[in-house]
Amino acid sequence: LKAKDILGLVDKTTSEIHNMNIGLTGTISIGLVEGTAPDIAAK
């Protein structure tokens, strides 16, 4: 579980550094609880 978290964080950091100076491009990671949240975020 911890290794998955660490490797995920490395990938996220690498992606952010790569995209810091090339404008608004890249991936936003957002957590959503169930219920109404997915519908809110979809909009």
ModelCIF file with pLDDT and N, C-alpha, C, O atoms, coordinates in Angstrom:
data_MODEL
#
_entry.id   MODEL 
#
_entity.id                         1 
_entity.type                       polymer 
_entity.pdbx_number_of_molecules   1 
#
_entity_poly.entity_id                      1 
_entity_poly.type                           'polypeptide(L)' 
_entity_poly.nstd_linkage                   no 
_entity_poly.nstd_monomer                   no 
_entity_poly.pdbx_seq_one_letter_code       LKAKDILGLVDKTTSEIHNMNIGLTGTISIGLVEGTAPDIAAK 
_entity_poly.pdbx_seq_one_letter_code_can   LKAKDILGLVDKTTSEIHNMNIGLTGTISIGLVEGTAPDIAAK 
_entity_poly.pdbx_strand_id                 A 
#
loop_
_entity_poly_seq.entity_id 
_entity_poly_seq.num 
_entity_poly_seq.mon_id 
_entity_poly_seq.hetero 
1 1  LEU n 
1 2  LYS n 
1 3  ALA n 
1 4  LYS n 
1 5  ASP n 
1 6  ILE n 
1 7  LEU n 
1 8  GLY n 
1 9  LEU n 
1 10 VAL n 
1 11 ASP n 
1 12 LYS n 
1 13 THR n 
1 14 THR n 
1 15 SER n 
1 16 GLU n 
1 17 ILE n 
1 18 HIS n 
1 19 ASN n 
1 20 MET n 
1 21 ASN n 
1 22 ILE n 
1 23 GLY n 
1 24 LEU n 
1 25 THR n 
1 26 GLY n 
1 27 THR n 
1 28 ILE n 
1 29 SER n 
1 30 ILE n 
1 31 GLY n 
1 32 LEU n 
1 33 VAL n 
1 34 GLU n 
1 35 GLY n 
1 36 THR n 
1 37 ALA n 
1 38 PRO n 
1 39 ASP n 
1 40 ILE n 
1 41 ALA n 
1 42 ALA n 
1 43 LYS n 
#
_struct_asym.id          A 
_struct_asym.entity_id   1 
#
loop_
_ma_qa_metric.id 
_ma_qa_metric.mode 
_ma_qa_metric.name 
_ma_qa_metric.software_group_id 
_ma_qa_metric.type 
1 global pLDDT . pLDDT 
2 local  pLDDT . pLDDT 
#
_ma_qa_metric_global.metric_id      1 
_ma_qa_metric_global.metric_value   81.77 
_ma_qa_metric_global.model_id       1 
_ma_qa_metric_global.ordinal_id     1 
#
loop_
_ma_qa_metric_local.label_asym_id 
_ma_qa_metric_local.label_comp_id 
_ma_qa_metric_local.label_seq_id 
_ma_qa_metric_local.metric_id 
_ma_qa_metric_local.metric_value 
_ma_qa_metric_local.model_id 
_ma_qa_metric_local.ordinal_id 
A LEU 1  2 91.00 1 1  
A LYS 2  2 92.00 1 2  
A ALA 3  2 93.00 1 3  
A LYS 4  2 91.00 1 4  
A ASP 5  2 88.00 1 5  
A ILE 6  2 90.00 1 6  
A LEU 7  2 90.00 1 7  
A GLY 8  2 85.00 1 8  
A LEU 9  2 85.00 1 9  
A VAL 10 2 86.00 1 10 
A ASP 11 2 82.00 1 11 
A LYS 12 2 76.00 1 12 
A THR 13 2 77.00 1 13 
A THR 14 2 76.00 1 14 
A SER 15 2 70.00 1 15 
A GLU 16 2 67.00 1 16 
A ILE 17 2 68.00 1 17 
A HIS 18 2 66.00 1 18 
A ASN 19 2 59.00 1 19 
A MET 20 2 56.00 1 20 
A ASN 21 2 53.00 1 21 
A ILE 22 2 54.00 1 22 
A GLY 23 2 57.00 1 23 
A LEU 24 2 70.00 1 24 
A THR 25 2 78.00 1 25 
A GLY 26 2 82.00 1 26 
A THR 27 2 88.00 1 27 
A ILE 28 2 93.00 1 28 
A SER 29 2 92.00 1 29 
A ILE 30 2 96.00 1 30 
A GLY 31 2 95.00 1 31 
A LEU 32 2 94.00 1 32 
A VAL 33 2 90.00 1 33 
A GLU 34 2 84.00 1 34 
A GLY 35 2 81.00 1 35 
A THR 36 2 85.00 1 36 
A ALA 37 2 89.00 1 37 
A PRO 38 2 89.00 1 38 
A ASP 39 2 89.00 1 39 
A ILE 40 2 91.00 1 40 
A ALA 41 2 93.00 1 41 
A ALA 42 2 93.00 1 42 
A LYS 43 2 92.00 1 43 
#
loop_
_atom_site.group_PDB 
_atom_site.id 
_atom_site.type_symbol 
_atom_site.label_atom_id 
_atom_site.label_alt_id 
_atom_site.label_comp_id 
_atom_site.label_asym_id 
_atom_site.label_entity_id 
_atom_site.label_seq_id 
_atom_site.pdbx_PDB_ins_code 
_atom_site.Cartn_x 
_atom_site.Cartn_y 
_atom_site.Cartn_z 
_atom_site.occupancy 
_atom_site.B_iso_or_equiv 
_atom_site.pdbx_formal_charge 
_atom_site.auth_seq_id 
_atom_site.auth_comp_id 
_atom_site.auth_asym_id 
_atom_site.auth_atom_id 
_atom_site.pdbx_PDB_model_num 
ATOM 1   N N  . LEU A 1 1  ? 0.828   -1.205 0.000   1.00 91.00 ? 1  LEU A N  1 
ATOM 2   C CA . LEU A 1 1  ? 0.000   0.000  0.000   1.00 91.00 ? 1  LEU A CA 1 
ATOM 3   C C  . LEU A 1 1  ? 0.860   1.252  0.000   1.00 91.00 ? 1  LEU A C  1 
ATOM 4   O O  . LEU A 1 1  ? 0.589   2.200  -0.738  1.00 91.00 ? 1  LEU A O  1 
ATOM 5   N N  . LYS A 1 2  ? 1.911   1.254  0.840   1.00 92.00 ? 2  LYS A N  1 
ATOM 6   C CA . LYS A 1 2  ? 2.783   2.419  0.922   1.00 92.00 ? 2  LYS A CA 1 
ATOM 7   C C  . LYS A 1 2  ? 3.591   2.592  -0.360  1.00 92.00 ? 2  LYS A C  1 
ATOM 8   O O  . LYS A 1 2  ? 3.805   3.718  -0.808  1.00 92.00 ? 2  LYS A O  1 
ATOM 9   N N  . ALA A 1 3  ? 4.043   1.488  -0.954  1.00 93.00 ? 3  ALA A N  1 
ATOM 10  C CA . ALA A 1 3  ? 4.815   1.564  -2.185  1.00 93.00 ? 3  ALA A CA 1 
ATOM 11  C C  . ALA A 1 3  ? 3.973   2.147  -3.319  1.00 93.00 ? 3  ALA A C  1 
ATOM 12  O O  . ALA A 1 3  ? 4.469   2.938  -4.121  1.00 93.00 ? 3  ALA A O  1 
ATOM 13  N N  . LYS A 1 4  ? 2.690   1.753  -3.384  1.00 91.00 ? 4  LYS A N  1 
ATOM 14  C CA . LYS A 1 4  ? 1.797   2.309  -4.400  1.00 91.00 ? 4  LYS A CA 1 
ATOM 15  C C  . LYS A 1 4  ? 1.647   3.818  -4.208  1.00 91.00 ? 4  LYS A C  1 
ATOM 16  O O  . LYS A 1 4  ? 1.652   4.582  -5.173  1.00 91.00 ? 4  LYS A O  1 
ATOM 17  N N  . ASP A 1 5  ? 1.512   4.234  -2.951  1.00 88.00 ? 5  ASP A N  1 
ATOM 18  C CA . ASP A 1 5  ? 1.397   5.665  -2.662  1.00 88.00 ? 5  ASP A CA 1 
ATOM 19  C C  . ASP A 1 5  ? 2.666   6.410  -3.074  1.00 88.00 ? 5  ASP A C  1 
ATOM 20  O O  . ASP A 1 5  ? 2.597   7.468  -3.700  1.00 88.00 ? 5  ASP A O  1 
ATOM 21  N N  . ILE A 1 6  ? 3.818   5.854  -2.721  1.00 90.00 ? 6  ILE A N  1 
ATOM 22  C CA . ILE A 1 6  ? 5.100   6.502  -3.025  1.00 90.00 ? 6  ILE A CA 1 
ATOM 23  C C  . ILE A 1 6  ? 5.301   6.622  -4.529  1.00 90.00 ? 6  ILE A C  1 
ATOM 24  O O  . ILE A 1 6  ? 5.662   7.692  -5.019  1.00 90.00 ? 6  ILE A O  1 
ATOM 25  N N  . LEU A 1 7  ? 5.073   5.545  -5.264  1.00 90.00 ? 7  LEU A N  1 
ATOM 26  C CA . LEU A 1 7  ? 5.261   5.566  -6.715  1.00 90.00 ? 7  LEU A CA 1 
ATOM 27  C C  . LEU A 1 7  ? 4.256   6.503  -7.384  1.00 90.00 ? 7  LEU A C  1 
ATOM 28  O O  . LEU A 1 7  ? 4.576   7.167  -8.369  1.00 90.00 ? 7  LEU A O  1 
ATOM 29  N N  . GLY A 1 8  ? 3.037   6.550  -6.840  1.00 85.00 ? 8  GLY A N  1 
ATOM 30  C CA . GLY A 1 8  ? 2.042   7.477  -7.376  1.00 85.00 ? 8  GLY A CA 1 
ATOM 31  C C  . GLY A 1 8  ? 2.446   8.922  -7.163  1.00 85.00 ? 8  GLY A C  1 
ATOM 32  O O  . GLY A 1 8  ? 2.256   9.766  -8.038  1.00 85.00 ? 8  GLY A O  1 
ATOM 33  N N  . LEU A 1 9  ? 3.010   9.204  -5.985  1.00 85.00 ? 9  LEU A N  1 
ATOM 34  C CA . LEU A 1 9  ? 3.461   10.554 -5.677  1.00 85.00 ? 9  LEU A CA 1 
ATOM 35  C C  . LEU A 1 9  ? 4.635   10.957 -6.566  1.00 85.00 ? 9  LEU A C  1 
ATOM 36  O O  . LEU A 1 9  ? 4.724   12.107 -6.997  1.00 85.00 ? 9  LEU A O  1 
ATOM 37  N N  . VAL A 1 10 ? 5.534   10.013 -6.839  1.00 86.00 ? 10 VAL A N  1 
ATOM 38  C CA . VAL A 1 10 ? 6.661   10.290 -7.733  1.00 86.00 ? 10 VAL A CA 1 
ATOM 39  C C  . VAL A 1 10 ? 6.160   10.641 -9.133  1.00 86.00 ? 10 VAL A C  1 
ATOM 40  O O  . VAL A 1 10 ? 6.633   11.599 -9.745  1.00 86.00 ? 10 VAL A O  1 
ATOM 41  N N  . ASP A 1 11 ? 5.200   9.862  -9.636  1.00 82.00 ? 11 ASP A N  1 
ATOM 42  C CA . ASP A 1 11 ? 4.648   10.131 -10.968 1.00 82.00 ? 11 ASP A CA 1 
ATOM 43  C C  . ASP A 1 11 ? 3.969   11.503 -11.006 1.00 82.00 ? 11 ASP A C  1 
ATOM 44  O O  . ASP A 1 11 ? 4.122   12.252 -11.971 1.00 82.00 ? 11 ASP A O  1 
ATOM 45  N N  . LYS A 1 12 ? 3.220   11.823 -9.951  1.00 76.00 ? 12 LYS A N  1 
ATOM 46  C CA . LYS A 1 12 ? 2.516   13.100 -9.886  1.00 76.00 ? 12 LYS A CA 1 
ATOM 47  C C  . LYS A 1 12 ? 3.509   14.256 -9.857  1.00 76.00 ? 12 LYS A C  1 
ATOM 48  O O  . LYS A 1 12 ? 3.319   15.252 -10.556 1.00 76.00 ? 12 LYS A O  1 
ATOM 49  N N  . THR A 1 13 ? 4.564   14.134 -9.057  1.00 77.00 ? 13 THR A N  1 
ATOM 50  C CA . THR A 1 13 ? 5.558   15.189 -8.941  1.00 77.00 ? 13 THR A CA 1 
ATOM 51  C C  . THR A 1 13 ? 6.302   15.388 -10.257 1.00 77.00 ? 13 THR A C  1 
ATOM 52  O O  . THR A 1 13 ? 6.531   16.517 -10.690 1.00 77.00 ? 13 THR A O  1 
ATOM 53  N N  . THR A 1 14 ? 6.674   14.282 -10.883 1.00 76.00 ? 14 THR A N  1 
ATOM 54  C CA . THR A 1 14 ? 7.380   14.351 -12.169 1.00 76.00 ? 14 THR A CA 1 
ATOM 55  C C  . THR A 1 14 ? 6.537   15.067 -13.210 1.00 76.00 ? 14 THR A C  1 
ATOM 56  O O  . THR A 1 14 ? 7.035   15.905 -13.962 1.00 76.00 ? 14 THR A O  1 
ATOM 57  N N  . SER A 1 15 ? 5.255   14.729 -13.247 1.00 70.00 ? 15 SER A N  1 
ATOM 58  C CA . SER A 1 15 ? 4.348   15.351 -14.211 1.00 70.00 ? 15 SER A CA 1 
ATOM 59  C C  . SER A 1 15 ? 4.203   16.841 -13.952 1.00 70.00 ? 15 SER A C  1 
ATOM 60  O O  . SER A 1 15 ? 4.193   17.637 -14.890 1.00 70.00 ? 15 SER A O  1 
ATOM 61  N N  . GLU A 1 16 ? 4.089   17.226 -12.676 1.00 67.00 ? 16 GLU A N  1 
ATOM 62  C CA . GLU A 1 16 ? 3.925   18.637 -12.344 1.00 67.00 ? 16 GLU A CA 1 
ATOM 63  C C  . GLU A 1 16 ? 5.172   19.441 -12.700 1.00 67.00 ? 16 GLU A C  1 
ATOM 64  O O  . GLU A 1 16 ? 5.061   20.541 -13.242 1.00 67.00 ? 16 GLU A O  1 
ATOM 65  N N  . ILE A 1 17 ? 6.351   18.909 -12.404 1.00 68.00 ? 17 ILE A N  1 
ATOM 66  C CA . ILE A 1 17 ? 7.591   19.612 -12.741 1.00 68.00 ? 17 ILE A CA 1 
ATOM 67  C C  . ILE A 1 17 ? 7.719   19.772 -14.251 1.00 68.00 ? 17 ILE A C  1 
ATOM 68  O O  . ILE A 1 17 ? 8.139   20.820 -14.743 1.00 68.00 ? 17 ILE A O  1 
ATOM 69  N N  . HIS A 1 18 ? 7.355   18.729 -14.975 1.00 66.00 ? 18 HIS A N  1 
ATOM 70  C CA . HIS A 1 18 ? 7.435   18.761 -16.437 1.00 66.00 ? 18 HIS A CA 1 
ATOM 71  C C  . HIS A 1 18 ? 6.534   19.841 -17.017 1.00 66.00 ? 18 HIS A C  1 
ATOM 72  O O  . HIS A 1 18 ? 6.860   20.437 -18.043 1.00 66.00 ? 18 HIS A O  1 
ATOM 73  N N  . ASN A 1 19 ? 5.402   20.095 -16.366 1.00 59.00 ? 19 ASN A N  1 
ATOM 74  C CA . ASN A 1 19 ? 4.417   21.014 -16.930 1.00 59.00 ? 19 ASN A CA 1 
ATOM 75  C C  . ASN A 1 19 ? 4.420   22.409 -16.303 1.00 59.00 ? 19 ASN A C  1 
ATOM 76  O O  . ASN A 1 19 ? 3.598   23.252 -16.664 1.00 59.00 ? 19 ASN A O  1 
ATOM 77  N N  . MET A 1 20 ? 5.340   22.658 -15.367 1.00 56.00 ? 20 MET A N  1 
ATOM 78  C CA . MET A 1 20 ? 5.312   23.923 -14.627 1.00 56.00 ? 20 MET A CA 1 
ATOM 79  C C  . MET A 1 20 ? 5.438   25.148 -15.532 1.00 56.00 ? 20 MET A C  1 
ATOM 80  O O  . MET A 1 20 ? 4.785   26.167 -15.304 1.00 56.00 ? 20 MET A O  1 
ATOM 81  N N  . ASN A 1 21 ? 6.276   25.042 -16.553 1.00 53.00 ? 21 ASN A N  1 
ATOM 82  C CA . ASN A 1 21 ? 6.584   26.215 -17.362 1.00 53.00 ? 21 ASN A CA 1 
ATOM 83  C C  . ASN A 1 21 ? 6.053   26.151 -18.784 1.00 53.00 ? 21 ASN A C  1 
ATOM 84  O O  . ASN A 1 21 ? 6.523   26.883 -19.655 1.00 53.00 ? 21 ASN A O  1 
ATOM 85  N N  . ILE A 1 22 ? 5.075   25.279 -19.029 1.00 54.00 ? 22 ILE A N  1 
ATOM 86  C CA . ILE A 1 22 ? 4.575   25.182 -20.405 1.00 54.00 ? 22 ILE A CA 1 
ATOM 87  C C  . ILE A 1 22 ? 3.084   25.500 -20.479 1.00 54.00 ? 22 ILE A C  1 
ATOM 88  O O  . ILE A 1 22 ? 2.382   25.012 -21.365 1.00 54.00 ? 22 ILE A O  1 
ATOM 89  N N  . GLY A 1 23 ? 2.600   26.329 -19.535 1.00 57.00 ? 23 GLY A N  1 
ATOM 90  C CA . GLY A 1 23 ? 1.216   26.774 -19.616 1.00 57.00 ? 23 GLY A CA 1 
ATOM 91  C C  . GLY A 1 23 ? 0.247   25.819 -18.961 1.00 57.00 ? 23 GLY A C  1 
ATOM 92  O O  . GLY A 1 23 ? 0.644   24.869 -18.286 1.00 57.00 ? 23 GLY A O  1 
ATOM 93  N N  . LEU A 1 24 ? -1.029  26.084 -19.167 1.00 70.00 ? 24 LEU A N  1 
ATOM 94  C CA . LEU A 1 24 ? -2.065  25.297 -18.526 1.00 70.00 ? 24 LEU A CA 1 
ATOM 95  C C  . LEU A 1 24 ? -2.304  23.998 -19.276 1.00 70.00 ? 24 LEU A C  1 
ATOM 96  O O  . LEU A 1 24 ? -3.204  23.883 -20.108 1.00 70.00 ? 24 LEU A O  1 
ATOM 97  N N  . THR A 1 25 ? -1.482  23.046 -18.958 1.00 78.00 ? 25 THR A N  1 
ATOM 98  C CA . THR A 1 25 ? -1.621  21.706 -19.500 1.00 78.00 ? 25 THR A CA 1 
ATOM 99  C C  . THR A 1 25 ? -1.229  20.729 -18.413 1.00 78.00 ? 25 THR A C  1 
ATOM 100 O O  . THR A 1 25 ? -0.430  21.068 -17.540 1.00 78.00 ? 25 THR A O  1 
ATOM 101 N N  . GLY A 1 26 ? -1.765  19.544 -18.444 1.00 82.00 ? 26 GLY A N  1 
ATOM 102 C CA . GLY A 1 26 ? -1.439  18.559 -17.426 1.00 82.00 ? 26 GLY A CA 1 
ATOM 103 C C  . GLY A 1 26 ? -2.682  17.913 -16.851 1.00 82.00 ? 26 GLY A C  1 
ATOM 104 O O  . GLY A 1 26 ? -3.760  17.979 -17.442 1.00 82.00 ? 26 GLY A O  1 
ATOM 105 N N  . THR A 1 27 ? -2.525  17.289 -15.694 1.00 88.00 ? 27 THR A N  1 
ATOM 106 C CA . THR A 1 27 ? -3.615  16.519 -15.088 1.00 88.00 ? 27 THR A CA 1 
ATOM 107 C C  . THR A 1 27 ? -3.905  17.024 -13.684 1.00 88.00 ? 27 THR A C  1 
ATOM 108 O O  . THR A 1 27 ? -2.991  17.234 -12.886 1.00 88.00 ? 27 THR A O  1 
ATOM 109 N N  . ILE A 1 28 ? -5.183  17.217 -13.393 1.00 93.00 ? 28 ILE A N  1 
ATOM 110 C CA . ILE A 1 28 ? -5.639  17.563 -12.055 1.00 93.00 ? 28 ILE A CA 1 
ATOM 111 C C  . ILE A 1 28 ? -6.205  16.296 -11.411 1.00 93.00 ? 28 ILE A C  1 
ATOM 112 O O  . ILE A 1 28 ? -7.135  15.687 -11.939 1.00 93.00 ? 28 ILE A O  1 
ATOM 113 N N  . SER A 1 29 ? -5.645  15.911 -10.281 1.00 92.00 ? 29 SER A N  1 
ATOM 114 C CA . SER A 1 29 ? -6.165  14.763 -9.531  1.00 92.00 ? 29 SER A CA 1 
ATOM 115 C C  . SER A 1 29 ? -7.103  15.280 -8.446  1.00 92.00 ? 29 SER A C  1 
ATOM 116 O O  . SER A 1 29 ? -6.715  16.102 -7.616  1.00 92.00 ? 29 SER A O  1 
ATOM 117 N N  . ILE A 1 30 ? -8.328  14.796 -8.462  1.00 96.00 ? 30 ILE A N  1 
ATOM 118 C CA . ILE A 1 30 ? -9.323  15.256 -7.495  1.00 96.00 ? 30 ILE A CA 1 
ATOM 119 C C  . ILE A 1 30 ? -10.029 14.058 -6.878  1.00 96.00 ? 30 ILE A C  1 
ATOM 120 O O  . ILE A 1 30 ? -10.427 13.130 -7.582  1.00 96.00 ? 30 ILE A O  1 
ATOM 121 N N  . GLY A 1 31 ? -10.180 14.084 -5.571  1.00 95.00 ? 31 GLY A N  1 
ATOM 122 C CA . GLY A 1 31 ? -10.874 13.018 -4.864  1.00 95.00 ? 31 GLY A CA 1 
ATOM 123 C C  . GLY A 1 31 ? -12.350 13.354 -4.704  1.00 95.00 ? 31 GLY A C  1 
ATOM 124 O O  . GLY A 1 31 ? -12.706 14.503 -4.444  1.00 95.00 ? 31 GLY A O  1 
ATOM 125 N N  . LEU A 1 32 ? -13.207 12.351 -4.858  1.00 94.00 ? 32 LEU A N  1 
ATOM 126 C CA . LEU A 1 32 ? -14.648 12.560 -4.742  1.00 94.00 ? 32 LEU A CA 1 
ATOM 127 C C  . LEU A 1 32 ? -15.276 11.495 -3.857  1.00 94.00 ? 32 LEU A C  1 
ATOM 128 O O  . LEU A 1 32 ? -15.061 10.300 -4.056  1.00 94.00 ? 32 LEU A O  1 
ATOM 129 N N  . VAL A 1 33 ? -16.054 11.939 -2.879  1.00 90.00 ? 33 VAL A N  1 
ATOM 130 C CA . VAL A 1 33 ? -16.879 10.990 -2.143  1.00 90.00 ? 33 VAL A CA 1 
ATOM 131 C C  . VAL A 1 33 ? -18.072 10.634 -3.014  1.00 90.00 ? 33 VAL A C  1 
ATOM 132 O O  . VAL A 1 33 ? -18.378 11.326 -3.985  1.00 90.00 ? 33 VAL A O  1 
ATOM 133 N N  . GLU A 1 34 ? -18.742 9.543  -2.652  1.00 84.00 ? 34 GLU A N  1 
ATOM 134 C CA . GLU A 1 34 ? -19.929 9.168  -3.404  1.00 84.00 ? 34 GLU A CA 1 
ATOM 135 C C  . GLU A 1 34 ? -21.106 10.049 -2.984  1.00 84.00 ? 34 GLU A C  1 
ATOM 136 O O  . GLU A 1 34 ? -20.973 10.904 -2.108  1.00 84.00 ? 34 GLU A O  1 
ATOM 137 N N  . GLY A 1 35 ? -22.241 9.834  -3.611  1.00 81.00 ? 35 GLY A N  1 
ATOM 138 C CA . GLY A 1 35 ? -23.397 10.676 -3.335  1.00 81.00 ? 35 GLY A CA 1 
ATOM 139 C C  . GLY A 1 35 ? -23.495 11.752 -4.398  1.00 81.00 ? 35 GLY A C  1 
ATOM 140 O O  . GLY A 1 35 ? -23.439 11.453 -5.591  1.00 81.00 ? 35 GLY A O  1 
ATOM 141 N N  . THR A 1 36 ? -23.641 13.004 -3.980  1.00 85.00 ? 36 THR A N  1 
ATOM 142 C CA . THR A 1 36 ? -23.812 14.123 -4.896  1.00 85.00 ? 36 THR A CA 1 
ATOM 143 C C  . THR A 1 36 ? -22.495 14.616 -5.488  1.00 85.00 ? 36 THR A C  1 
ATOM 144 O O  . THR A 1 36 ? -22.495 15.263 -6.535  1.00 85.00 ? 36 THR A O  1 
ATOM 145 N N  . ALA A 1 37 ? -21.383 14.323 -4.838  1.00 89.00 ? 37 ALA A N  1 
ATOM 146 C CA . ALA A 1 37 ? -20.079 14.877 -5.257  1.00 89.00 ? 37 ALA A CA 1 
ATOM 147 C C  . ALA A 1 37 ? -19.742 14.636 -6.725  1.00 89.00 ? 37 ALA A C  1 
ATOM 148 O O  . ALA A 1 37 ? -19.327 15.581 -7.396  1.00 89.00 ? 37 ALA A O  1 
ATOM 149 N N  . PRO A 1 38 ? -19.898 13.415 -7.266  1.00 89.00 ? 38 PRO A N  1 
ATOM 150 C CA . PRO A 1 38 ? -19.578 13.227 -8.690  1.00 89.00 ? 38 PRO A CA 1 
ATOM 151 C C  . PRO A 1 38 ? -20.398 14.112 -9.620  1.00 89.00 ? 38 PRO A C  1 
ATOM 152 O O  . PRO A 1 38 ? -19.882 14.605 -10.623 1.00 89.00 ? 38 PRO A O  1 
ATOM 153 N N  . ASP A 1 39 ? -21.668 14.316 -9.293  1.00 89.00 ? 39 ASP A N  1 
ATOM 154 C CA . ASP A 1 39 ? -22.514 15.165 -10.124 1.00 89.00 ? 39 ASP A CA 1 
ATOM 155 C C  . ASP A 1 39 ? -22.058 16.618 -10.047 1.00 89.00 ? 39 ASP A C  1 
ATOM 156 O O  . ASP A 1 39 ? -22.050 17.324 -11.056 1.00 89.00 ? 39 ASP A O  1 
ATOM 157 N N  . ILE A 1 40 ? -21.679 17.062 -8.852  1.00 91.00 ? 40 ILE A N  1 
ATOM 158 C CA . ILE A 1 40 ? -21.177 18.432 -8.674  1.00 91.00 ? 40 ILE A CA 1 
ATOM 159 C C  . ILE A 1 40 ? -19.903 18.625 -9.496  1.00 91.00 ? 40 ILE A C  1 
ATOM 160 O O  . ILE A 1 40 ? -19.774 19.596 -10.240 1.00 91.00 ? 40 ILE A O  1 
ATOM 161 N N  . ALA A 1 41 ? -18.967 17.687 -9.351  1.00 93.00 ? 41 ALA A N  1 
ATOM 162 C CA . ALA A 1 41 ? -17.677 17.805 -10.033 1.00 93.00 ? 41 ALA A CA 1 
ATOM 163 C C  . ALA A 1 41 ? -17.819 17.674 -11.545 1.00 93.00 ? 41 ALA A C  1 
ATOM 164 O O  . ALA A 1 41 ? -17.062 18.294 -12.291 1.00 93.00 ? 41 ALA A O  1 
ATOM 165 N N  . ALA A 1 42 ? -18.782 16.871 -12.007 1.00 93.00 ? 42 ALA A N  1 
ATOM 166 C CA . ALA A 1 42 ? -18.977 16.687 -13.449 1.00 93.00 ? 42 ALA A CA 1 
ATOM 167 C C  . ALA A 1 42 ? -19.293 18.017 -14.123 1.00 93.00 ? 42 ALA A C  1 
ATOM 168 O O  . ALA A 1 42 ? -18.812 18.289 -15.223 1.00 93.00 ? 42 ALA A O  1 
ATOM 169 N N  . LYS A 1 43 ? -20.087 18.832 -13.477 1.00 92.00 ? 43 LYS A N  1 
ATOM 170 C CA . LYS A 1 43 ? -20.440 20.145 -14.042 1.00 92.00 ? 43 LYS A CA 1 
ATOM 171 C C  . LYS A 1 43 ? -19.204 21.040 -14.108 1.00 92.00 ? 43 LYS A C  1 
ATOM 172 O O  . LYS A 1 43 ? -19.293 22.184 -14.554 1.00 92.00 ? 43 LYS A O  1 
#
